[in-house]
Structure formats: structure tokens, C-alpha cells
Amino acid sequence: MKITTAQPTPLTEPTGTRRRFEIDGVKPASEKLLEKKLRETVKKLGGLAIKFFVLSFTGFPDRIVLMPGGQIWFVELKSTGKKPSPRQEIVIAQLRKLGFTVYVIDTQELLREFLNAIQK
């Protein structure tokens, strides 16, 4: 795995801010940014990306994506390089065992791949 420091630009990184890193040439993305792009794009495609809270069942994926035709996916969003917790891994495995498709997305490229897949 190659980690490099992204070069600062005057418009995006004023003096004194934290340096951004690239991992294998992939610019990092925050969970918040990925979630916003997911929500907005799914809406444009005619679907819903519902934030799902289950108080009595921890580790559930962040979003349920519902698309026309009764299509459903579960999506766990993470900041670039972050992994699901052990509890989230258990829940993801349970959902997959039940036949559901679960995506774990931590880069804009993976988000694009997901969005392309749900349009087919």
C-alpha cells in the first residue's frame, strides 16, 4: 500500500491546516461527504436513501437504498480507509446470509460503482 501526501493548493488547503493523504492514489473522502452524494444521487434516480436507526439492534448499516421496482440495498458508509466495526461485520454477514446485498463504501470510486450498479 502506497501512502503519499497530497500537494496543498491555495484554494483547498490554507496554511496551517492538516495535510490530506492519498492511499494508493485515492483521495480520501469523509463519511459525511459520501453520505450526501449517495442521498442526492439516489434521489435524482427516483429512489430513497433512508438513514436507518435501530435502537435495539446495534451495527445496522447506515442507509437503506430503495429504488423503483422493489429493489433494496443496505449501505454502510465509512471515511476512506476506515473499516466496519466487529459488530457491524456480524450484522453485514447476517444480512448477506438472508440474501440481502450489503455494500461497504469508503471511497468516491466505490460510491460511483454502487450508483452504476443500481441503475442496471
PDB file of N, CA and C in Angstrom:
ATOM      1  N   MET A   1       0.853  -1.161   0.000  1.00  0.00           N
ATOM      2  CA  MET A   1       0.000   0.000   0.000  1.00  0.00           C
ATOM      3  C   MET A   1       0.902   1.227   0.000  1.00  0.00           C
ATOM      4  N   LYS A   2       0.675   2.136  -0.939  1.00  0.00           N
ATOM      5  CA  LYS A   2       1.483   3.331  -1.051  1.00  0.00           C
ATOM      6  C   LYS A   2       0.709   4.520  -0.499  1.00  0.00           C
ATOM      7  N   ILE A   3       1.285   5.217   0.490  1.00  0.00           N
ATOM      8  CA  ILE A   3       0.651   6.392   1.066  1.00  0.00           C
ATOM      9  C   ILE A   3       1.506   7.599   0.718  1.00  0.00           C
ATOM     10  N   THR A   4       0.887   8.594   0.088  1.00  0.00           N
ATOM     11  CA  THR A   4       1.605   9.816  -0.271  1.00  0.00           C
ATOM     12  C   THR A   4       0.857  11.020   0.273  1.00  0.00           C
ATOM     13  N   THR A   5       1.593  12.105   0.450  1.00  0.00           N
ATOM     14  CA  THR A   5       0.964  13.338   0.905  1.00  0.00           C
ATOM     15  C   THR A   5       0.427  14.084  -0.300  1.00  0.00           C
ATOM     16  N   ALA A   6      -0.836  14.463  -0.263  1.00  0.00           N
ATOM     17  CA  ALA A   6      -1.414  15.256  -1.346  1.00  0.00           C
ATOM     18  C   ALA A   6      -0.803  16.651  -1.305  1.00  0.00           C
ATOM     19  N   GLN A   7      -0.558  17.212  -2.460  1.00  0.00           N
ATOM     20  CA  GLN A   7       0.028  18.537  -2.529  1.00  0.00           C
ATOM     21  C   GLN A   7      -1.018  19.591  -2.171  1.00  0.00           C
ATOM     22  N   PRO A   8      -0.664  20.558  -1.304  1.00  0.00           N
ATOM     23  CA  PRO A   8      -1.611  21.597  -0.952  1.00  0.00           C
ATOM     24  C   PRO A   8      -1.837  22.548  -2.114  1.00  0.00           C
ATOM     25  N   THR A   9      -3.038  23.080  -2.194  1.00  0.00           N
ATOM     26  CA  THR A   9      -3.335  24.117  -3.178  1.00  0.00           C
ATOM     27  C   THR A   9      -3.868  25.319  -2.422  1.00  0.00           C
ATOM     28  N   PRO A  10      -3.630  26.522  -2.927  1.00  0.00           N
ATOM     29  CA  PRO A  10      -4.073  27.713  -2.206  1.00  0.00           C
ATOM     30  C   PRO A  10      -5.576  27.746  -1.951  1.00  0.00           C
ATOM     31  N   LEU A  11      -6.364  27.189  -2.853  1.00  0.00           N
ATOM     32  CA  LEU A  11      -7.816  27.263  -2.699  1.00  0.00           C
ATOM     33  C   LEU A  11      -8.374  26.222  -1.746  1.00  0.00           C
ATOM     34  N   THR A  12      -7.702  25.083  -1.651  1.00  0.00           N
ATOM     35  CA  THR A  12      -8.276  23.999  -0.854  1.00  0.00           C
ATOM     36  C   THR A  12      -7.594  23.769   0.474  1.00  0.00           C
ATOM     37  N   GLU A  13      -6.389  24.287   0.651  1.00  0.00           N
ATOM     38  CA  GLU A  13      -5.673  23.984   1.883  1.00  0.00           C
ATOM     39  C   GLU A  13      -4.860  25.200   2.350  1.00  0.00           C
ATOM     40  N   PRO A  14      -5.484  26.064   3.134  1.00  0.00           N
ATOM     41  CA  PRO A  14      -4.756  27.217   3.637  1.00  0.00           C
ATOM     42  C   PRO A  14      -3.619  26.791   4.563  1.00  0.00           C
ATOM     43  N   THR A  15      -2.658  27.649   4.729  1.00  0.00           N
ATOM     44  CA  THR A  15      -1.527  27.379   5.606  1.00  0.00           C
ATOM     45  C   THR A  15      -2.018  27.034   7.008  1.00  0.00           C
ATOM     46  N   GLY A  16      -1.399  26.018   7.608  1.00  0.00           N
ATOM     47  CA  GLY A  16      -1.736  25.645   8.973  1.00  0.00           C
ATOM     48  C   GLY A  16      -2.799  24.576   9.087  1.00  0.00           C
ATOM     49  N   THR A  17      -3.390  24.122   7.979  1.00  0.00           N
ATOM     50  CA  THR A  17      -4.405  23.072   8.069  1.00  0.00           C
ATOM     51  C   THR A  17      -3.734  21.711   7.982  1.00  0.00           C
ATOM     52  N   ARG A  18      -4.473  20.677   8.378  1.00  0.00           N
ATOM     53  CA  ARG A  18      -3.938  19.316   8.311  1.00  0.00           C
ATOM     54  C   ARG A  18      -3.701  18.915   6.868  1.00  0.00           C
ATOM     55  N   ARG A  19      -2.640  18.175   6.627  1.00  0.00           N
ATOM     56  CA  ARG A  19      -2.345  17.684   5.285  1.00  0.00           C
ATOM     57  C   ARG A  19      -3.276  16.519   4.979  1.00  0.00           C
ATOM     58  N   ARG A  20      -3.707  16.431   3.749  1.00  0.00           N
ATOM     59  CA  ARG A  20      -4.503  15.300   3.296  1.00  0.00           C
ATOM     60  C   ARG A  20      -3.560  14.240   2.761  1.00  0.00           C
ATOM     61  N   PHE A  21      -3.928  12.984   2.876  1.00  0.00           N
ATOM     62  CA  PHE A  21      -3.100  11.905   2.373  1.00  0.00           C
ATOM     63  C   PHE A  21      -3.860  11.147   1.299  1.00  0.00           C
ATOM     64  N   GLU A  22      -3.115  10.613   0.370  1.00  0.00           N
ATOM     65  CA  GLU A  22      -3.680   9.732  -0.638  1.00  0.00           C
ATOM     66  C   GLU A  22      -3.177   8.328  -0.345  1.00  0.00           C
ATOM     67  N   ILE A  23      -4.060   7.356  -0.428  1.00  0.00           N
ATOM     68  CA  ILE A  23      -3.691   5.961  -0.236  1.00  0.00           C
ATOM     69  C   ILE A  23      -3.833   5.280  -1.582  1.00  0.00           C
ATOM     70  N   ASP A  24      -2.713   4.806  -2.121  1.00  0.00           N
ATOM     71  CA  ASP A  24      -2.684   4.187  -3.445  1.00  0.00           C
ATOM     72  C   ASP A  24      -3.348   5.082  -4.490  1.00  0.00           C
ATOM     73  N   GLY A  25      -3.109   6.387  -4.402  1.00  0.00           N
ATOM     74  CA  GLY A  25      -3.630   7.332  -5.385  1.00  0.00           C
ATOM     75  C   GLY A  25      -5.093   7.698  -5.199  1.00  0.00           C
ATOM     76  N   VAL A  26      -5.743   7.242  -4.133  1.00  0.00           N
ATOM     77  CA  VAL A  26      -7.154   7.535  -3.885  1.00  0.00           C
ATOM     78  C   VAL A  26      -7.247   8.679  -2.888  1.00  0.00           C
ATOM     79  N   LYS A  27      -7.907   9.764  -3.286  1.00  0.00           N
ATOM     80  CA  LYS A  27      -8.093  10.879  -2.370  1.00  0.00           C
ATOM     81  C   LYS A  27      -9.117  10.495  -1.312  1.00  0.00           C
ATOM     82  N   PRO A  28      -8.855  10.855  -0.071  1.00  0.00           N
ATOM     83  CA  PRO A  28      -9.780  10.474   0.992  1.00  0.00           C
ATOM     84  C   PRO A  28     -11.110  11.205   0.901  1.00  0.00           C
ATOM     85  N   ALA A  29     -12.146  10.544   1.384  1.00  0.00           N
ATOM     86  CA  ALA A  29     -13.479  11.135   1.429  1.00  0.00           C
ATOM     87  C   ALA A  29     -14.053  10.885   2.816  1.00  0.00           C
ATOM     88  N   SER A  30     -14.721  11.883   3.353  1.00  0.00           N
ATOM     89  CA  SER A  30     -15.343  11.707   4.663  1.00  0.00           C
ATOM     90  C   SER A  30     -16.652  10.937   4.515  1.00  0.00           C
ATOM     91  N   GLU A  31     -17.051  10.314   5.597  1.00  0.00           N
ATOM     92  CA  GLU A  31     -18.336   9.600   5.602  1.00  0.00           C
ATOM     93  C   GLU A  31     -19.470  10.570   5.284  1.00  0.00           C
ATOM     94  N   LYS A  32     -19.379  11.763   5.827  1.00  0.00           N
ATOM     95  CA  LYS A  32     -20.417  12.782   5.607  1.00  0.00           C
ATOM     96  C   LYS A  32     -20.541  13.129   4.121  1.00  0.00           C
ATOM     97  N   LEU A  33     -19.410  13.308   3.431  1.00  0.00           N
ATOM     98  CA  LEU A  33     -19.427  13.629   2.007  1.00  0.00           C
ATOM     99  C   LEU A  33     -20.021  12.479   1.205  1.00  0.00           C
ATOM    100  N   LEU A  34     -19.593  11.251   1.484  1.00  0.00           N
ATOM    101  CA  LEU A  34     -20.116  10.094   0.771  1.00  0.00           C
ATOM    102  C   LEU A  34     -21.615   9.948   0.991  1.00  0.00           C
ATOM    103  N   GLU A  35     -22.058  10.176   2.226  1.00  0.00           N
ATOM    104  CA  GLU A  35     -23.483  10.051   2.543  1.00  0.00           C
ATOM    105  C   GLU A  35     -24.304  11.092   1.781  1.00  0.00           C
ATOM    106  N   LYS A  36     -23.799  12.306   1.720  1.00  0.00           N
ATOM    107  CA  LYS A  36     -24.506  13.374   1.000  1.00  0.00           C
ATOM    108  C   LYS A  36     -24.617  13.047  -0.493  1.00  0.00           C
ATOM    109  N   LYS A  37     -23.516  12.605  -1.092  1.00  0.00           N
ATOM    110  CA  LYS A  37     -23.536  12.267  -2.518  1.00  0.00           C
ATOM    111  C   LYS A  37     -24.458  11.082  -2.792  1.00  0.00           C
ATOM    112  N   LEU A  38     -24.444  10.089  -1.904  1.00  0.00           N
ATOM    113  CA  LEU A  38     -25.334   8.938  -2.051  1.00  0.00           C
ATOM    114  C   LEU A  38     -26.786   9.396  -2.019  1.00  0.00           C
ATOM    115  N   ARG A  39     -27.139  10.139  -0.988  1.00  0.00           N
ATOM    116  CA  ARG A  39     -28.515  10.598  -0.801  1.00  0.00           C
ATOM    117  C   ARG A  39     -29.002  11.411  -2.007  1.00  0.00           C
ATOM    118  N   GLU A  40     -28.188  12.370  -2.442  1.00  0.00           N
ATOM    119  CA  GLU A  40     -28.593  13.254  -3.538  1.00  0.00           C
ATOM    120  C   GLU A  40     -28.718  12.500  -4.862  1.00  0.00           C
ATOM    121  N   THR A  41     -27.775  11.603  -5.144  1.00  0.00           N
ATOM    122  CA  THR A  41     -27.808  10.882  -6.420  1.00  0.00           C
ATOM    123  C   THR A  41     -28.956   9.887  -6.467  1.00  0.00           C
ATOM    124  N   VAL A  42     -29.173   9.173  -5.379  1.00  0.00           N
ATOM    125  CA  VAL A  42     -30.286   8.215  -5.348  1.00  0.00           C
ATOM    126  C   VAL A  42     -31.611   8.953  -5.545  1.00  0.00           C
ATOM    127  N   LYS A  43     -31.753  10.112  -4.945  1.00  0.00           N
ATOM    128  CA  LYS A  43     -32.971  10.910  -5.113  1.00  0.00           C
ATOM    129  C   LYS A  43     -33.166  11.301  -6.576  1.00  0.00           C
ATOM    130  N   LYS A  44     -32.080  11.732  -7.248  1.00  0.00           N
ATOM    131  CA  LYS A  44     -32.152  12.095  -8.666  1.00  0.00           C
ATOM    132  C   LYS A  44     -32.554  10.911  -9.534  1.00  0.00           C
ATOM    133  N   LEU A  45     -32.192   9.701  -9.087  1.00  0.00           N
ATOM    134  CA  LEU A  45     -32.526   8.489  -9.828  1.00  0.00           C
ATOM    135  C   LEU A  45     -33.928   7.979  -9.510  1.00  0.00           C
ATOM    136  N   GLY A  46     -34.653   8.694  -8.652  1.00  0.00           N
ATOM    137  CA  GLY A  46     -36.024   8.313  -8.331  1.00  0.00           C
ATOM    138  C   GLY A  46     -36.166   7.395  -7.140  1.00  0.00           C
ATOM    139  N   GLY A  47     -35.120   7.263  -6.355  1.00  0.00           N
ATOM    140  CA  GLY A  47     -35.171   6.371  -5.207  1.00  0.00           C
ATOM    141  C   GLY A  47     -35.054   7.104  -3.888  1.00  0.00           C
ATOM    142  N   LEU A  48     -34.905   6.330  -2.830  1.00  0.00           N
ATOM    143  CA  LEU A  48     -34.744   6.859  -1.479  1.00  0.00           C
ATOM    144  C   LEU A  48     -33.512   6.228  -0.844  1.00  0.00           C
ATOM    145  N   ALA A  49     -32.743   7.047  -0.125  1.00  0.00           N
ATOM    146  CA  ALA A  49     -31.604   6.545   0.660  1.00  0.00           C
ATOM    147  C   ALA A  49     -31.907   6.932   2.099  1.00  0.00           C
ATOM    148  N   ILE A  50     -32.558   6.039   2.794  1.00  0.00           N
ATOM    149  CA  ILE A  50     -33.098   6.326   4.121  1.00  0.00           C
ATOM    150  C   ILE A  50     -32.056   6.054   5.201  1.00  0.00           C
ATOM    151  N   LYS A  51     -31.852   7.049   6.055  1.00  0.00           N
ATOM    152  CA  LYS A  51     -30.983   6.867   7.230  1.00  0.00           C
ATOM    153  C   LYS A  51     -31.763   5.985   8.195  1.00  0.00           C
ATOM    154  N   PHE A  52     -31.131   4.926   8.659  1.00  0.00           N
ATOM    155  CA  PHE A  52     -31.861   3.936   9.441  1.00  0.00           C
ATOM    156  C   PHE A  52     -31.248   3.802  10.824  1.00  0.00           C
ATOM    157  N   PHE A  53     -32.038   4.063  11.838  1.00  0.00           N
ATOM    158  CA  PHE A  53     -31.606   3.902  13.228  1.00  0.00           C
ATOM    159  C   PHE A  53     -32.400   2.774  13.857  1.00  0.00           C
ATOM    160  N   VAL A  54     -31.700   1.824  14.424  1.00  0.00           N
ATOM    161  CA  VAL A  54     -32.355   0.731  15.135  1.00  0.00           C
ATOM    162  C   VAL A  54     -31.795   0.764  16.553  1.00  0.00           C
ATOM    163  N   LEU A  55     -32.571   1.285  17.472  1.00  0.00           N
ATOM    164  CA  LEU A  55     -32.083   1.450  18.843  1.00  0.00           C
ATOM    165  C   LEU A  55     -31.775   0.133  19.542  1.00  0.00           C
ATOM    166  N   SER A  56     -32.546  -0.879  19.224  1.00  0.00           N
ATOM    167  CA  SER A  56     -32.371  -2.149  19.938  1.00  0.00           C
ATOM    168  C   SER A  56     -31.518  -3.159  19.172  1.00  0.00           C
ATOM    169  N   PHE A  57     -30.930  -2.724  18.056  1.00  0.00           N
ATOM    170  CA  PHE A  57     -30.146  -3.648  17.224  1.00  0.00           C
ATOM    171  C   PHE A  57     -28.931  -2.894  16.696  1.00  0.00           C
ATOM    172  N   THR A  58     -27.807  -2.999  17.378  1.00  0.00           N
ATOM    173  CA  THR A  58     -26.618  -2.240  17.006  1.00  0.00           C
ATOM    174  C   THR A  58     -25.916  -2.839  15.792  1.00  0.00           C
ATOM    175  N   GLY A  59     -25.162  -2.000  15.101  1.00  0.00           N
ATOM    176  CA  GLY A  59     -24.347  -2.458  13.985  1.00  0.00           C
ATOM    177  C   GLY A  59     -25.037  -2.472  12.646  1.00  0.00           C
ATOM    178  N   PHE A  60     -26.270  -1.961  12.592  1.00  0.00           N
ATOM    179  CA  PHE A  60     -27.023  -1.972  11.342  1.00  0.00           C
ATOM    180  C   PHE A  60     -26.423  -0.966  10.361  1.00  0.00           C
ATOM    181  N   PRO A  61     -26.411  -1.259   9.039  1.00  0.00           N
ATOM    182  CA  PRO A  61     -25.852  -0.321   8.054  1.00  0.00           C
ATOM    183  C   PRO A  61     -26.502   1.066   8.117  1.00  0.00           C
ATOM    184  N   ASP A  62     -25.737   2.073   7.693  1.00  0.00           N
ATOM    185  CA  ASP A  62     -26.166   3.472   7.765  1.00  0.00           C
ATOM    186  C   ASP A  62     -27.430   3.782   6.965  1.00  0.00           C
ATOM    187  N   ARG A  63     -27.510   3.265   5.756  1.00  0.00           N
ATOM    188  CA  ARG A  63     -28.597   3.623   4.843  1.00  0.00           C
ATOM    189  C   ARG A  63     -29.234   2.392   4.224  1.00  0.00           C
ATOM    190  N   ILE A  64     -30.530   2.516   3.979  1.00  0.00           N
ATOM    191  CA  ILE A  64     -31.256   1.541   3.174  1.00  0.00           C
ATOM    192  C   ILE A  64     -31.609   2.274   1.887  1.00  0.00           C
ATOM    193  N   VAL A  65     -31.171   1.733   0.760  1.00  0.00           N
ATOM    194  CA  VAL A  65     -31.443   2.358  -0.534  1.00  0.00           C
ATOM    195  C   VAL A  65     -32.579   1.595  -1.199  1.00  0.00           C
ATOM    196  N   LEU A  66     -33.644   2.331  -1.485  1.00  0.00           N
ATOM    197  CA  LEU A  66     -34.834   1.769  -2.121  1.00  0.00           C
ATOM    198  C   LEU A  66     -34.976   2.390  -3.506  1.00  0.00           C
ATOM    199  N   MET A  67     -35.109   1.536  -4.519  1.00  0.00           N
ATOM    200  CA  MET A  67     -35.237   2.018  -5.897  1.00  0.00           C
ATOM    201  C   MET A  67     -36.504   1.454  -6.529  1.00  0.00           C
ATOM    202  N   PRO A  68     -36.978   2.130  -7.580  1.00  0.00           N
ATOM    203  CA  PRO A  68     -38.182   1.635  -8.266  1.00  0.00           C
ATOM    204  C   PRO A  68     -38.048   0.161  -8.629  1.00  0.00           C
ATOM    205  N   GLY A  69     -39.159  -0.514  -8.631  1.00  0.00           N
ATOM    206  CA  GLY A  69     -39.176  -1.936  -8.952  1.00  0.00           C
ATOM    207  C   GLY A  69     -38.938  -2.827  -7.747  1.00  0.00           C
ATOM    208  N   GLY A  70     -39.002  -2.237  -6.542  1.00  0.00           N
ATOM    209  CA  GLY A  70     -38.849  -3.030  -5.335  1.00  0.00           C
ATOM    210  C   GLY A  70     -37.412  -3.433  -5.026  1.00  0.00           C
ATOM    211  N   GLN A  71     -36.446  -2.722  -5.575  1.00  0.00           N
ATOM    212  CA  GLN A  71     -35.042  -3.032  -5.314  1.00  0.00           C
ATOM    213  C   GLN A  71     -34.609  -2.424  -3.981  1.00  0.00           C
ATOM    214  N   ILE A  72     -33.788  -3.176  -3.232  1.00  0.00           N
ATOM    215  CA  ILE A  72     -33.333  -2.717  -1.924  1.00  0.00           C
ATOM    216  C   ILE A  72     -31.879  -3.127  -1.705  1.00  0.00           C
ATOM    217  N   TRP A  73     -31.108  -2.188  -1.164  1.00  0.00           N
ATOM    218  CA  TRP A  73     -29.721  -2.441  -0.791  1.00  0.00           C
ATOM    219  C   TRP A  73     -29.458  -1.816   0.558  1.00  0.00           C
ATOM    220  N   PHE A  74     -28.538  -2.404   1.286  1.00  0.00           N
ATOM    221  CA  PHE A  74     -28.074  -1.826   2.542  1.00  0.00           C
ATOM    222  C   PHE A  74     -26.674  -1.263   2.278  1.00  0.00           C
ATOM    223  N   VAL A  75     -26.425  -0.060   2.802  1.00  0.00           N
ATOM    224  CA  VAL A  75     -25.141   0.601   2.551  1.00  0.00           C
ATOM    225  C   VAL A  75     -24.532   1.082   3.863  1.00  0.00           C
ATOM    226  N   GLU A  76     -23.307   0.640   4.118  1.00  0.00           N
ATOM    227  CA  GLU A  76     -22.529   1.128   5.253  1.00  0.00           C
ATOM    228  C   GLU A  76     -21.463   2.053   4.688  1.00  0.00           C
ATOM    229  N   LEU A  77     -21.478   3.307   5.118  1.00  0.00           N
ATOM    230  CA  LEU A  77     -20.530   4.309   4.646  1.00  0.00           C
ATOM    231  C   LEU A  77     -19.455   4.538   5.695  1.00  0.00           C
ATOM    232  N   LYS A  78     -18.221   4.654   5.226  1.00  0.00           N
ATOM    233  CA  LYS A  78     -17.076   4.879   6.104  1.00  0.00           C
ATOM    234  C   LYS A  78     -16.172   5.926   5.471  1.00  0.00           C
ATOM    235  N   SER A  79     -15.465   6.678   6.312  1.00  0.00           N
ATOM    236  CA  SER A  79     -14.424   7.554   5.792  1.00  0.00           C
ATOM    237  C   SER A  79     -13.360   6.680   5.145  1.00  0.00           C
ATOM    238  N   THR A  80     -12.666   7.228   4.153  1.00  0.00           N
ATOM    239  CA  THR A  80     -11.661   6.464   3.421  1.00  0.00           C
ATOM    240  C   THR A  80     -10.665   5.795   4.371  1.00  0.00           C
ATOM    241  N   GLY A  81     -10.499   4.494   4.161  1.00  0.00           N
ATOM    242  CA  GLY A  81      -9.554   3.721   4.959  1.00  0.00           C
ATOM    243  C   GLY A  81     -10.135   3.134   6.228  1.00  0.00           C
ATOM    244  N   LYS A  82     -11.324   3.560   6.627  1.00  0.00           N
ATOM    245  CA  LYS A  82     -11.956   3.020   7.840  1.00  0.00           C
ATOM    246  C   LYS A  82     -12.686   1.722   7.490  1.00  0.00           C
ATOM    247  N   LYS A  83     -12.767   0.847   8.449  1.00  0.00           N
ATOM    248  CA  LYS A  83     -13.424  -0.450   8.260  1.00  0.00           C
ATOM    249  C   LYS A  83     -14.612  -0.572   9.203  1.00  0.00           C
ATOM    250  N   PRO A  84     -15.584  -1.412   8.866  1.00  0.00           N
ATOM    251  CA  PRO A  84     -16.692  -1.660   9.790  1.00  0.00           C
ATOM    252  C   PRO A  84     -16.182  -2.252  11.104  1.00  0.00           C
ATOM    253  N   SER A  85     -16.893  -1.938  12.177  1.00  0.00           N
ATOM    254  CA  SER A  85     -16.546  -2.493  13.490  1.00  0.00           C
ATOM    255  C   SER A  85     -16.848  -3.995  13.481  1.00  0.00           C
ATOM    256  N   PRO A  86     -16.313  -4.731  14.447  1.00  0.00           N
ATOM    257  CA  PRO A  86     -16.630  -6.161  14.519  1.00  0.00           C
ATOM    258  C   PRO A  86     -18.143  -6.416  14.581  1.00  0.00           C
ATOM    259  N   ARG A  87     -18.872  -5.608  15.332  1.00  0.00           N
ATOM    260  CA  ARG A  87     -20.336  -5.777  15.409  1.00  0.00           C
ATOM    261  C   ARG A  87     -20.984  -5.523  14.049  1.00  0.00           C
ATOM    262  N   GLN A  88     -20.530  -4.486  13.349  1.00  0.00           N
ATOM    263  CA  GLN A  88     -21.074  -4.214  12.017  1.00  0.00           C
ATOM    264  C   GLN A  88     -20.784  -5.358  11.062  1.00  0.00           C
ATOM    265  N   GLU A  89     -19.598  -5.956  11.160  1.00  0.00           N
ATOM    266  CA  GLU A  89     -19.258  -7.103  10.307  1.00  0.00           C
ATOM    267  C   GLU A  89     -20.217  -8.270  10.552  1.00  0.00           C
ATOM    268  N   ILE A  90     -20.575  -8.500  11.803  1.00  0.00           N
ATOM    269  CA  ILE A  90     -21.524  -9.568  12.142  1.00  0.00           C
ATOM    270  C   ILE A  90     -22.884  -9.296  11.513  1.00  0.00           C
ATOM    271  N   VAL A  91     -23.364  -8.061  11.655  1.00  0.00           N
ATOM    272  CA  VAL A  91     -24.681  -7.712  11.104  1.00  0.00           C
ATOM    273  C   VAL A  91     -24.663  -7.788   9.576  1.00  0.00           C
ATOM    274  N   ILE A  92     -23.595  -7.307   8.959  1.00  0.00           N
ATOM    275  CA  ILE A  92     -23.472  -7.383   7.499  1.00  0.00           C
ATOM    276  C   ILE A  92     -23.516  -8.841   7.049  1.00  0.00           C
ATOM    277  N   ALA A  93     -22.816  -9.715   7.748  1.00  0.00           N
ATOM    278  CA  ALA A  93     -22.830 -11.146   7.420  1.00  0.00           C
ATOM    279  C   ALA A  93     -24.233 -11.730   7.576  1.00  0.00           C
ATOM    280  N   GLN A  94     -24.950 -11.330   8.635  1.00  0.00           N
ATOM    281  CA  GLN A  94     -26.322 -11.826   8.840  1.00  0.00           C
ATOM    282  C   GLN A  94     -27.237 -11.385   7.698  1.00  0.00           C
ATOM    283  N   LEU A  95     -27.132 -10.124   7.305  1.00  0.00           N
ATOM    284  CA  LEU A  95     -27.969  -9.616   6.203  1.00  0.00           C
ATOM    285  C   LEU A  95     -27.658 -10.347   4.903  1.00  0.00           C
ATOM    286  N   ARG A  96     -26.386 -10.555   4.635  1.00  0.00           N
ATOM    287  CA  ARG A  96     -25.994 -11.272   3.415  1.00  0.00           C
ATOM    288  C   ARG A  96     -26.479 -12.717   3.446  1.00  0.00           C
ATOM    289  N   LYS A  97     -26.431 -13.348   4.606  1.00  0.00           N
ATOM    290  CA  LYS A  97     -26.918 -14.729   4.750  1.00  0.00           C
ATOM    291  C   LYS A  97     -28.419 -14.805   4.457  1.00  0.00           C
ATOM    292  N   LEU A  98     -29.132 -13.722   4.776  1.00  0.00           N
ATOM    293  CA  LEU A  98     -30.571 -13.657   4.486  1.00  0.00           C
ATOM    294  C   LEU A  98     -30.858 -13.338   3.016  1.00  0.00           C
ATOM    295  N   GLY A  99     -29.803 -13.093   2.241  1.00  0.00           N
ATOM    296  CA  GLY A  99     -29.970 -12.850   0.817  1.00  0.00           C
ATOM    297  C   GLY A  99     -29.951 -11.390   0.402  1.00  0.00           C
ATOM    298  N   PHE A 100     -29.681 -10.478   1.331  1.00  0.00           N
ATOM    299  CA  PHE A 100     -29.639  -9.057   1.004  1.00  0.00           C
ATOM    300  C   PHE A 100     -28.244  -8.674   0.510  1.00  0.00           C
ATOM    301  N   THR A 101     -28.214  -7.660  -0.331  1.00  0.00           N
ATOM    302  CA  THR A 101     -26.946  -7.121  -0.804  1.00  0.00           C
ATOM    303  C   THR A 101     -26.548  -5.970   0.105  1.00  0.00           C
ATOM    304  N   VAL A 102     -25.328  -6.039   0.627  1.00  0.00           N
ATOM    305  CA  VAL A 102     -24.813  -5.002   1.516  1.00  0.00           C
ATOM    306  C   VAL A 102     -23.513  -4.472   0.917  1.00  0.00           C
ATOM    307  N   TYR A 103     -23.447  -3.168   0.762  1.00  0.00           N
ATOM    308  CA  TYR A 103     -22.236  -2.518   0.269  1.00  0.00           C
ATOM    309  C   TYR A 103     -21.565  -1.775   1.414  1.00  0.00           C
ATOM    310  N   VAL A 104     -20.247  -1.860   1.467  1.00  0.00           N
ATOM    311  CA  VAL A 104     -19.447  -1.034   2.373  1.00  0.00           C
ATOM    312  C   VAL A 104     -18.665  -0.097   1.465  1.00  0.00           C
ATOM    313  N   ILE A 105     -18.912   1.198   1.606  1.00  0.00           N
ATOM    314  CA  ILE A 105     -18.342   2.203   0.707  1.00  0.00           C
ATOM    315  C   ILE A 105     -17.487   3.159   1.512  1.00  0.00           C
ATOM    316  N   ASP A 106     -16.199   3.275   1.090  1.00  0.00           N
ATOM    317  CA  ASP A 106     -15.309   4.210   1.784  1.00  0.00           C
ATOM    318  C   ASP A 106     -14.540   5.130   0.834  1.00  0.00           C
ATOM    319  N   THR A 107     -14.862   5.070  -0.463  1.00  0.00           N
ATOM    320  CA  THR A 107     -14.234   5.973  -1.427  1.00  0.00           C
ATOM    321  C   THR A 107     -15.280   6.455  -2.427  1.00  0.00           C
ATOM    322  N   GLN A 108     -14.969   7.554  -3.086  1.00  0.00           N
ATOM    323  CA  GLN A 108     -15.882   8.058  -4.112  1.00  0.00           C
ATOM    324  C   GLN A 108     -15.965   7.096  -5.289  1.00  0.00           C
ATOM    325  N   GLU A 109     -14.877   6.378  -5.575  1.00  0.00           N
ATOM    326  CA  GLU A 109     -14.886   5.396  -6.651  1.00  0.00           C
ATOM    327  C   GLU A 109     -15.855   4.247  -6.332  1.00  0.00           C
ATOM    328  N   LEU A 110     -15.819   3.729  -5.101  1.00  0.00           N
ATOM    329  CA  LEU A 110     -16.772   2.680  -4.711  1.00  0.00           C
ATOM    330  C   LEU A 110     -18.204   3.200  -4.752  1.00  0.00           C
ATOM    331  N   LEU A 111     -18.398   4.463  -4.389  1.00  0.00           N
ATOM    332  CA  LEU A 111     -19.738   5.054  -4.461  1.00  0.00           C
ATOM    333  C   LEU A 111     -20.212   5.100  -5.909  1.00  0.00           C
ATOM    334  N   ARG A 112     -19.333   5.514  -6.830  1.00  0.00           N
ATOM    335  CA  ARG A 112     -19.697   5.540  -8.258  1.00  0.00           C
ATOM    336  C   ARG A 112     -20.057   4.146  -8.746  1.00  0.00           C
ATOM    337  N   GLU A 113     -19.267   3.147  -8.339  1.00  0.00           N
ATOM    338  CA  GLU A 113     -19.552   1.767  -8.747  1.00  0.00           C
ATOM    339  C   GLU A 113     -20.921   1.322  -8.245  1.00  0.00           C
ATOM    340  N   PHE A 114     -21.237   1.648  -6.984  1.00  0.00           N
ATOM    341  CA  PHE A 114     -22.545   1.297  -6.434  1.00  0.00           C
ATOM    342  C   PHE A 114     -23.662   1.973  -7.214  1.00  0.00           C
ATOM    343  N   LEU A 115     -23.516   3.277  -7.448  1.00  0.00           N
ATOM    344  CA  LEU A 115     -24.554   4.014  -8.160  1.00  0.00           C
ATOM    345  C   LEU A 115     -24.754   3.498  -9.576  1.00  0.00           C
ATOM    346  N   ASN A 116     -23.671   3.087 -10.223  1.00  0.00           N
ATOM    347  CA  ASN A 116     -23.790   2.483 -11.557  1.00  0.00           C
ATOM    348  C   ASN A 116     -24.516   1.137 -11.472  1.00  0.00           C
ATOM    349  N   ALA A 117     -24.207   0.362 -10.451  1.00  0.00           N
ATOM    350  CA  ALA A 117     -24.814  -0.972 -10.300  1.00  0.00           C
ATOM    351  C   ALA A 117     -26.316  -0.886 -10.064  1.00  0.00           C
ATOM    352  N   ILE A 118     -26.772   0.105  -9.306  1.00  0.00           N
ATOM    353  CA  ILE A 118     -28.201   0.165  -9.002  1.00  0.00           C
ATOM    354  C   ILE A 118     -29.031   0.702 -10.160  1.00  0.00           C
ATOM    355  N   GLN A 119     -28.365   1.220 -11.182  1.00  0.00           N
ATOM    356  CA  GLN A 119     -29.093   1.730 -12.335  1.00  0.00           C
ATOM    357  C   GLN A 119     -29.332   0.642 -13.388  1.00  0.00           C
ATOM    358  N   LYS A 120     -28.752  -0.532 -13.184  1.00  0.00           N
ATOM    359  CA  LYS A 120     -28.875  -1.616 -14.181  1.00  0.00           C
ATOM    360  C   LYS A 120     -30.112  -2.420 -13.969  1.00  0.00           C
TER     361      LYS A 120
END
